[in-house]
Amino acid sequence: MKQYVIDQLREQDTEALENHLRRQCGPPALDRVYWVALDPEYFTPVQAAHEDCHPLFFALQVKPGAFAGEFLVRTHQRVRCDCMDYATKAQRNWLIDLMDNIVRQLGIPV
C-alpha cells in the first residue's frame, strides 16, 4: 500500500492524534483507522460522476509511534468501483497537507 507516514511519535502524541480524529471523523472504523472525506473539489471526472459512491475517503491510521495516511481513494458504497483508485498528485498533496496541519495544530514535534 502506498502511504504517507509520520513516525517516531511519542505515546502522548498518538493519544492526541486519536482524540483529534475521534472529534473530527467520529469513532474509528477499525482498530485505530479513521475515515477522512476527500474534498469534492479534488475529485477526478470519474469520481465526480459516481455520485452513488460519495463521499470518497482516505484511511488514516494511528499506530504506536506513527500516523499514516493511505493514498487509496475509497468509497463505503462498493467493494470495487472505477472511482476507487490511487490518489492523483493533487489528492495526495491534499492528504499530506491535511496530516501535516493536524500534527502542527496539535503541537506535535516532527
N, C-alpha and C. Protein backbone atom coordinates (compact mmCIF):
# COMPACT_ATOMS: atom_id res chain seq x y z
N MET A 1 0.85 -1.18 0.00
CA MET A 1 0.00 0.00 0.00
C MET A 1 0.89 1.23 0.00
N LYS A 2 0.55 2.18 -0.81
CA LYS A 2 1.26 3.46 -0.81
C LYS A 2 0.67 4.31 0.31
N GLN A 3 1.56 4.96 1.06
CA GLN A 3 1.08 5.78 2.17
C GLN A 3 2.10 6.82 2.58
N TYR A 4 1.60 7.80 3.33
CA TYR A 4 2.43 8.84 3.93
C TYR A 4 2.47 8.53 5.42
N VAL A 5 3.67 8.46 5.98
CA VAL A 5 3.81 8.08 7.39
C VAL A 5 4.64 9.13 8.13
N ILE A 6 4.13 9.55 9.26
CA ILE A 6 4.86 10.39 10.20
C ILE A 6 5.16 9.48 11.38
N ASP A 7 6.45 9.21 11.62
CA ASP A 7 6.78 8.25 12.66
C ASP A 7 7.64 8.86 13.76
N GLN A 8 8.09 8.00 14.66
CA GLN A 8 8.86 8.39 15.84
C GLN A 8 8.07 9.33 16.74
N LEU A 9 6.78 9.05 16.85
CA LEU A 9 5.91 9.85 17.71
C LEU A 9 5.90 9.29 19.13
N ARG A 10 5.73 10.17 20.09
CA ARG A 10 5.62 9.76 21.49
C ARG A 10 4.21 9.25 21.75
N GLU A 11 4.05 8.51 22.83
CA GLU A 11 2.74 7.97 23.19
C GLU A 11 1.71 9.08 23.37
N GLN A 12 2.10 10.19 24.00
CA GLN A 12 1.14 11.29 24.19
C GLN A 12 0.76 11.93 22.85
N ASP A 13 1.65 11.85 21.85
CA ASP A 13 1.33 12.38 20.52
C ASP A 13 0.27 11.52 19.85
N THR A 14 0.43 10.21 19.94
CA THR A 14 -0.57 9.33 19.30
C THR A 14 -1.91 9.43 20.02
N GLU A 15 -1.89 9.63 21.32
CA GLU A 15 -3.14 9.84 22.06
C GLU A 15 -3.82 11.12 21.60
N ALA A 16 -3.04 12.19 21.44
CA ALA A 16 -3.60 13.46 20.97
C ALA A 16 -4.17 13.31 19.56
N LEU A 17 -3.48 12.58 18.71
CA LEU A 17 -3.99 12.34 17.34
C LEU A 17 -5.30 11.59 17.37
N GLU A 18 -5.37 10.53 18.18
CA GLU A 18 -6.61 9.76 18.25
C GLU A 18 -7.77 10.60 18.78
N ASN A 19 -7.53 11.39 19.79
CA ASN A 19 -8.59 12.26 20.32
C ASN A 19 -9.06 13.24 19.26
N HIS A 20 -8.12 13.83 18.54
CA HIS A 20 -8.47 14.78 17.48
C HIS A 20 -9.29 14.08 16.38
N LEU A 21 -8.82 12.92 15.94
CA LEU A 21 -9.52 12.22 14.86
C LEU A 21 -10.90 11.75 15.29
N ARG A 22 -11.07 11.34 16.54
CA ARG A 22 -12.41 10.96 17.02
C ARG A 22 -13.37 12.15 16.95
N ARG A 23 -12.86 13.34 17.32
CA ARG A 23 -13.70 14.54 17.28
C ARG A 23 -14.04 14.92 15.84
N GLN A 24 -13.07 14.83 14.94
CA GLN A 24 -13.26 15.28 13.56
C GLN A 24 -13.91 14.23 12.65
N CYS A 25 -13.61 12.96 12.88
CA CYS A 25 -14.04 11.90 11.95
C CYS A 25 -15.02 10.91 12.57
N GLY A 26 -15.22 10.99 13.87
CA GLY A 26 -16.07 10.01 14.54
C GLY A 26 -15.23 8.84 15.03
N PRO A 27 -15.88 7.82 15.58
CA PRO A 27 -15.14 6.69 16.13
C PRO A 27 -14.39 5.95 15.01
N PRO A 28 -13.32 5.26 15.37
CA PRO A 28 -12.57 4.53 14.34
C PRO A 28 -13.43 3.44 13.70
N ALA A 29 -13.25 3.26 12.40
CA ALA A 29 -13.99 2.23 11.67
C ALA A 29 -13.45 0.85 12.04
N LEU A 30 -12.17 0.76 12.17
CA LEU A 30 -11.47 -0.45 12.58
C LEU A 30 -10.53 -0.04 13.70
N ASP A 31 -9.69 -0.94 14.12
CA ASP A 31 -8.75 -0.63 15.19
C ASP A 31 -7.84 0.53 14.79
N ARG A 32 -8.13 1.69 15.33
CA ARG A 32 -7.33 2.91 15.13
C ARG A 32 -7.28 3.38 13.68
N VAL A 33 -8.28 3.04 12.88
CA VAL A 33 -8.38 3.50 11.49
C VAL A 33 -9.57 4.45 11.40
N TYR A 34 -9.32 5.64 10.88
CA TYR A 34 -10.33 6.69 10.76
C TYR A 34 -10.51 7.03 9.29
N TRP A 35 -11.72 7.41 8.92
CA TRP A 35 -12.02 7.78 7.54
C TRP A 35 -12.15 9.29 7.44
N VAL A 36 -11.39 9.88 6.54
CA VAL A 36 -11.48 11.32 6.32
C VAL A 36 -11.97 11.51 4.89
N ALA A 37 -13.05 12.28 4.75
CA ALA A 37 -13.66 12.51 3.44
C ALA A 37 -12.78 13.43 2.60
N LEU A 38 -12.56 13.02 1.37
CA LEU A 38 -11.81 13.83 0.42
C LEU A 38 -12.67 15.01 -0.01
N ASP A 39 -12.10 16.19 -0.04
CA ASP A 39 -12.79 17.38 -0.50
C ASP A 39 -13.23 17.16 -1.96
N PRO A 40 -14.52 17.28 -2.27
CA PRO A 40 -15.01 17.05 -3.63
C PRO A 40 -14.33 17.90 -4.70
N GLU A 41 -13.75 19.01 -4.30
CA GLU A 41 -13.02 19.85 -5.24
C GLU A 41 -11.88 19.08 -5.93
N TYR A 42 -11.40 18.02 -5.28
CA TYR A 42 -10.26 17.25 -5.79
C TYR A 42 -10.66 15.96 -6.50
N PHE A 43 -11.96 15.72 -6.66
CA PHE A 43 -12.40 14.52 -7.37
C PHE A 43 -11.94 14.56 -8.82
N THR A 44 -11.61 13.38 -9.35
CA THR A 44 -11.35 13.25 -10.78
C THR A 44 -12.71 13.27 -11.49
N PRO A 45 -12.74 13.41 -12.80
CA PRO A 45 -14.03 13.35 -13.50
C PRO A 45 -14.80 12.05 -13.24
N VAL A 46 -14.11 10.92 -13.21
CA VAL A 46 -14.78 9.64 -12.92
C VAL A 46 -15.36 9.65 -11.52
N GLN A 47 -14.58 10.11 -10.54
CA GLN A 47 -15.05 10.17 -9.16
C GLN A 47 -16.25 11.11 -9.01
N ALA A 48 -16.21 12.24 -9.68
CA ALA A 48 -17.32 13.20 -9.61
C ALA A 48 -18.59 12.61 -10.22
N ALA A 49 -18.44 11.82 -11.28
CA ALA A 49 -19.60 11.24 -11.95
C ALA A 49 -20.25 10.12 -11.14
N HIS A 50 -19.53 9.51 -10.24
CA HIS A 50 -20.04 8.38 -9.45
C HIS A 50 -20.70 8.89 -8.17
N GLU A 51 -21.77 9.64 -8.31
CA GLU A 51 -22.43 10.24 -7.15
C GLU A 51 -22.94 9.21 -6.15
N ASP A 52 -23.30 8.02 -6.63
CA ASP A 52 -23.77 6.98 -5.71
C ASP A 52 -22.66 6.47 -4.80
N CYS A 53 -21.42 6.74 -5.15
CA CYS A 53 -20.27 6.29 -4.35
C CYS A 53 -19.82 7.34 -3.32
N HIS A 54 -20.37 8.53 -3.39
CA HIS A 54 -19.94 9.60 -2.48
C HIS A 54 -20.44 9.37 -1.07
N PRO A 55 -19.75 9.84 -0.09
CA PRO A 55 -18.47 10.55 -0.15
C PRO A 55 -17.32 9.57 -0.37
N LEU A 56 -16.20 10.10 -0.85
CA LEU A 56 -14.99 9.31 -1.05
C LEU A 56 -14.04 9.62 0.11
N PHE A 57 -13.26 8.63 0.50
CA PHE A 57 -12.47 8.73 1.71
C PHE A 57 -11.02 8.32 1.52
N PHE A 58 -10.19 8.79 2.45
CA PHE A 58 -8.86 8.26 2.68
C PHE A 58 -8.88 7.61 4.07
N ALA A 59 -8.09 6.58 4.26
CA ALA A 59 -7.95 5.95 5.57
C ALA A 59 -6.74 6.56 6.27
N LEU A 60 -6.96 6.98 7.52
CA LEU A 60 -5.89 7.46 8.39
C LEU A 60 -5.77 6.46 9.53
N GLN A 61 -4.54 6.08 9.85
CA GLN A 61 -4.34 5.12 10.93
C GLN A 61 -3.33 5.64 11.92
N VAL A 62 -3.67 5.49 13.19
CA VAL A 62 -2.74 5.82 14.27
C VAL A 62 -2.20 4.50 14.79
N LYS A 63 -0.88 4.37 14.74
CA LYS A 63 -0.20 3.16 15.22
C LYS A 63 0.70 3.57 16.37
N PRO A 64 1.16 2.62 17.16
CA PRO A 64 2.12 3.00 18.20
C PRO A 64 3.32 3.71 17.56
N GLY A 65 3.49 4.97 17.88
CA GLY A 65 4.62 5.74 17.38
C GLY A 65 4.49 6.28 15.97
N ALA A 66 3.32 6.13 15.33
CA ALA A 66 3.21 6.57 13.93
C ALA A 66 1.78 7.00 13.58
N PHE A 67 1.70 7.84 12.55
CA PHE A 67 0.45 8.35 11.99
C PHE A 67 0.57 8.15 10.48
N ALA A 68 -0.34 7.37 9.90
CA ALA A 68 -0.23 7.01 8.48
C ALA A 68 -1.52 7.34 7.73
N GLY A 69 -1.35 7.76 6.49
CA GLY A 69 -2.48 8.01 5.60
C GLY A 69 -2.27 7.23 4.31
N GLU A 70 -3.24 6.41 3.95
CA GLU A 70 -3.14 5.63 2.72
C GLU A 70 -3.51 6.48 1.52
N PHE A 71 -2.81 6.28 0.42
CA PHE A 71 -3.05 7.05 -0.80
C PHE A 71 -4.10 6.41 -1.69
N LEU A 72 -4.94 5.54 -1.15
CA LEU A 72 -6.01 4.93 -1.93
C LEU A 72 -7.32 5.65 -1.63
N VAL A 73 -7.96 6.17 -2.66
CA VAL A 73 -9.27 6.82 -2.51
C VAL A 73 -10.31 5.71 -2.52
N ARG A 74 -11.14 5.68 -1.48
CA ARG A 74 -12.12 4.60 -1.29
C ARG A 74 -13.54 5.15 -1.20
N THR A 75 -14.48 4.23 -1.36
CA THR A 75 -15.89 4.51 -1.11
C THR A 75 -16.41 3.46 -0.13
N HIS A 76 -17.40 3.82 0.65
CA HIS A 76 -18.04 2.85 1.55
C HIS A 76 -19.20 2.14 0.85
N GLN A 77 -19.53 2.58 -0.35
CA GLN A 77 -20.72 2.06 -1.03
C GLN A 77 -20.47 0.75 -1.77
N ARG A 78 -19.22 0.53 -2.21
CA ARG A 78 -18.90 -0.65 -3.01
C ARG A 78 -17.53 -1.17 -2.62
N VAL A 79 -17.33 -2.47 -2.89
CA VAL A 79 -16.01 -3.07 -2.65
C VAL A 79 -15.06 -2.71 -3.80
N ARG A 80 -15.58 -2.71 -5.01
CA ARG A 80 -14.80 -2.35 -6.19
C ARG A 80 -15.61 -1.39 -7.05
N CYS A 81 -14.90 -0.39 -7.57
CA CYS A 81 -15.55 0.55 -8.47
C CYS A 81 -14.45 1.32 -9.20
N ASP A 82 -14.77 1.83 -10.38
CA ASP A 82 -13.81 2.60 -11.16
C ASP A 82 -13.39 3.89 -10.45
N CYS A 83 -14.21 4.38 -9.54
CA CYS A 83 -13.86 5.63 -8.85
C CYS A 83 -12.85 5.41 -7.73
N MET A 84 -12.64 4.16 -7.34
CA MET A 84 -11.62 3.84 -6.33
C MET A 84 -10.29 3.69 -7.05
N ASP A 85 -9.30 4.46 -6.60
CA ASP A 85 -8.01 4.44 -7.28
C ASP A 85 -6.98 5.09 -6.38
N TYR A 86 -5.71 4.88 -6.72
CA TYR A 86 -4.68 5.62 -6.01
C TYR A 86 -4.84 7.11 -6.27
N ALA A 87 -4.48 7.89 -5.30
CA ALA A 87 -4.65 9.34 -5.36
C ALA A 87 -3.88 9.95 -6.51
N THR A 88 -4.50 10.97 -7.10
CA THR A 88 -3.78 11.80 -8.06
C THR A 88 -2.76 12.63 -7.28
N LYS A 89 -1.93 13.33 -7.98
CA LYS A 89 -0.94 14.19 -7.30
C LYS A 89 -1.64 15.24 -6.42
N ALA A 90 -2.70 15.85 -6.94
CA ALA A 90 -3.43 16.87 -6.17
C ALA A 90 -4.09 16.25 -4.94
N GLN A 91 -4.68 15.06 -5.08
CA GLN A 91 -5.31 14.38 -3.94
C GLN A 91 -4.26 13.99 -2.90
N ARG A 92 -3.13 13.48 -3.39
CA ARG A 92 -2.04 13.09 -2.50
C ARG A 92 -1.55 14.30 -1.71
N ASN A 93 -1.36 15.42 -2.39
CA ASN A 93 -0.90 16.63 -1.71
C ASN A 93 -1.93 17.12 -0.70
N TRP A 94 -3.22 16.99 -1.03
CA TRP A 94 -4.29 17.38 -0.11
C TRP A 94 -4.19 16.57 1.18
N LEU A 95 -3.98 15.25 1.04
CA LEU A 95 -3.89 14.38 2.22
C LEU A 95 -2.64 14.70 3.04
N ILE A 96 -1.52 14.88 2.38
CA ILE A 96 -0.28 15.21 3.10
C ILE A 96 -0.44 16.54 3.84
N ASP A 97 -1.00 17.53 3.18
CA ASP A 97 -1.23 18.83 3.83
C ASP A 97 -2.17 18.69 5.03
N LEU A 98 -3.23 17.89 4.88
CA LEU A 98 -4.17 17.67 5.97
C LEU A 98 -3.46 17.06 7.17
N MET A 99 -2.68 16.01 6.93
CA MET A 99 -1.98 15.34 8.03
C MET A 99 -0.95 16.26 8.67
N ASP A 100 -0.19 16.98 7.85
CA ASP A 100 0.79 17.91 8.40
C ASP A 100 0.13 19.00 9.23
N ASN A 101 -1.02 19.50 8.77
CA ASN A 101 -1.74 20.53 9.51
C ASN A 101 -2.27 20.00 10.84
N ILE A 102 -2.74 18.76 10.86
CA ILE A 102 -3.20 18.16 12.13
C ILE A 102 -2.06 18.09 13.12
N VAL A 103 -0.93 17.59 12.65
CA VAL A 103 0.25 17.46 13.52
C VAL A 103 0.68 18.83 14.04
N ARG A 104 0.71 19.81 13.14
CA ARG A 104 1.11 21.17 13.52
C ARG A 104 0.11 21.77 14.51
N GLN A 105 -1.18 21.59 14.23
CA GLN A 105 -2.23 22.15 15.10
C GLN A 105 -2.14 21.56 16.52
N LEU A 106 -1.76 20.29 16.62
CA LEU A 106 -1.66 19.64 17.92
C LEU A 106 -0.32 19.89 18.60
N GLY A 107 0.57 20.61 17.92
CA GLY A 107 1.87 20.94 18.50
C GLY A 107 2.79 19.73 18.65
N ILE A 108 2.63 18.76 17.77
CA ILE A 108 3.45 17.56 17.82
C ILE A 108 4.77 17.83 17.10
N PRO A 109 5.88 17.66 17.80
CA PRO A 109 7.18 17.90 17.15
C PRO A 109 7.53 16.76 16.18
N VAL A 110 7.88 17.14 14.97
CA VAL A 110 8.33 16.13 13.99
C VAL A 110 9.60 16.61 13.31
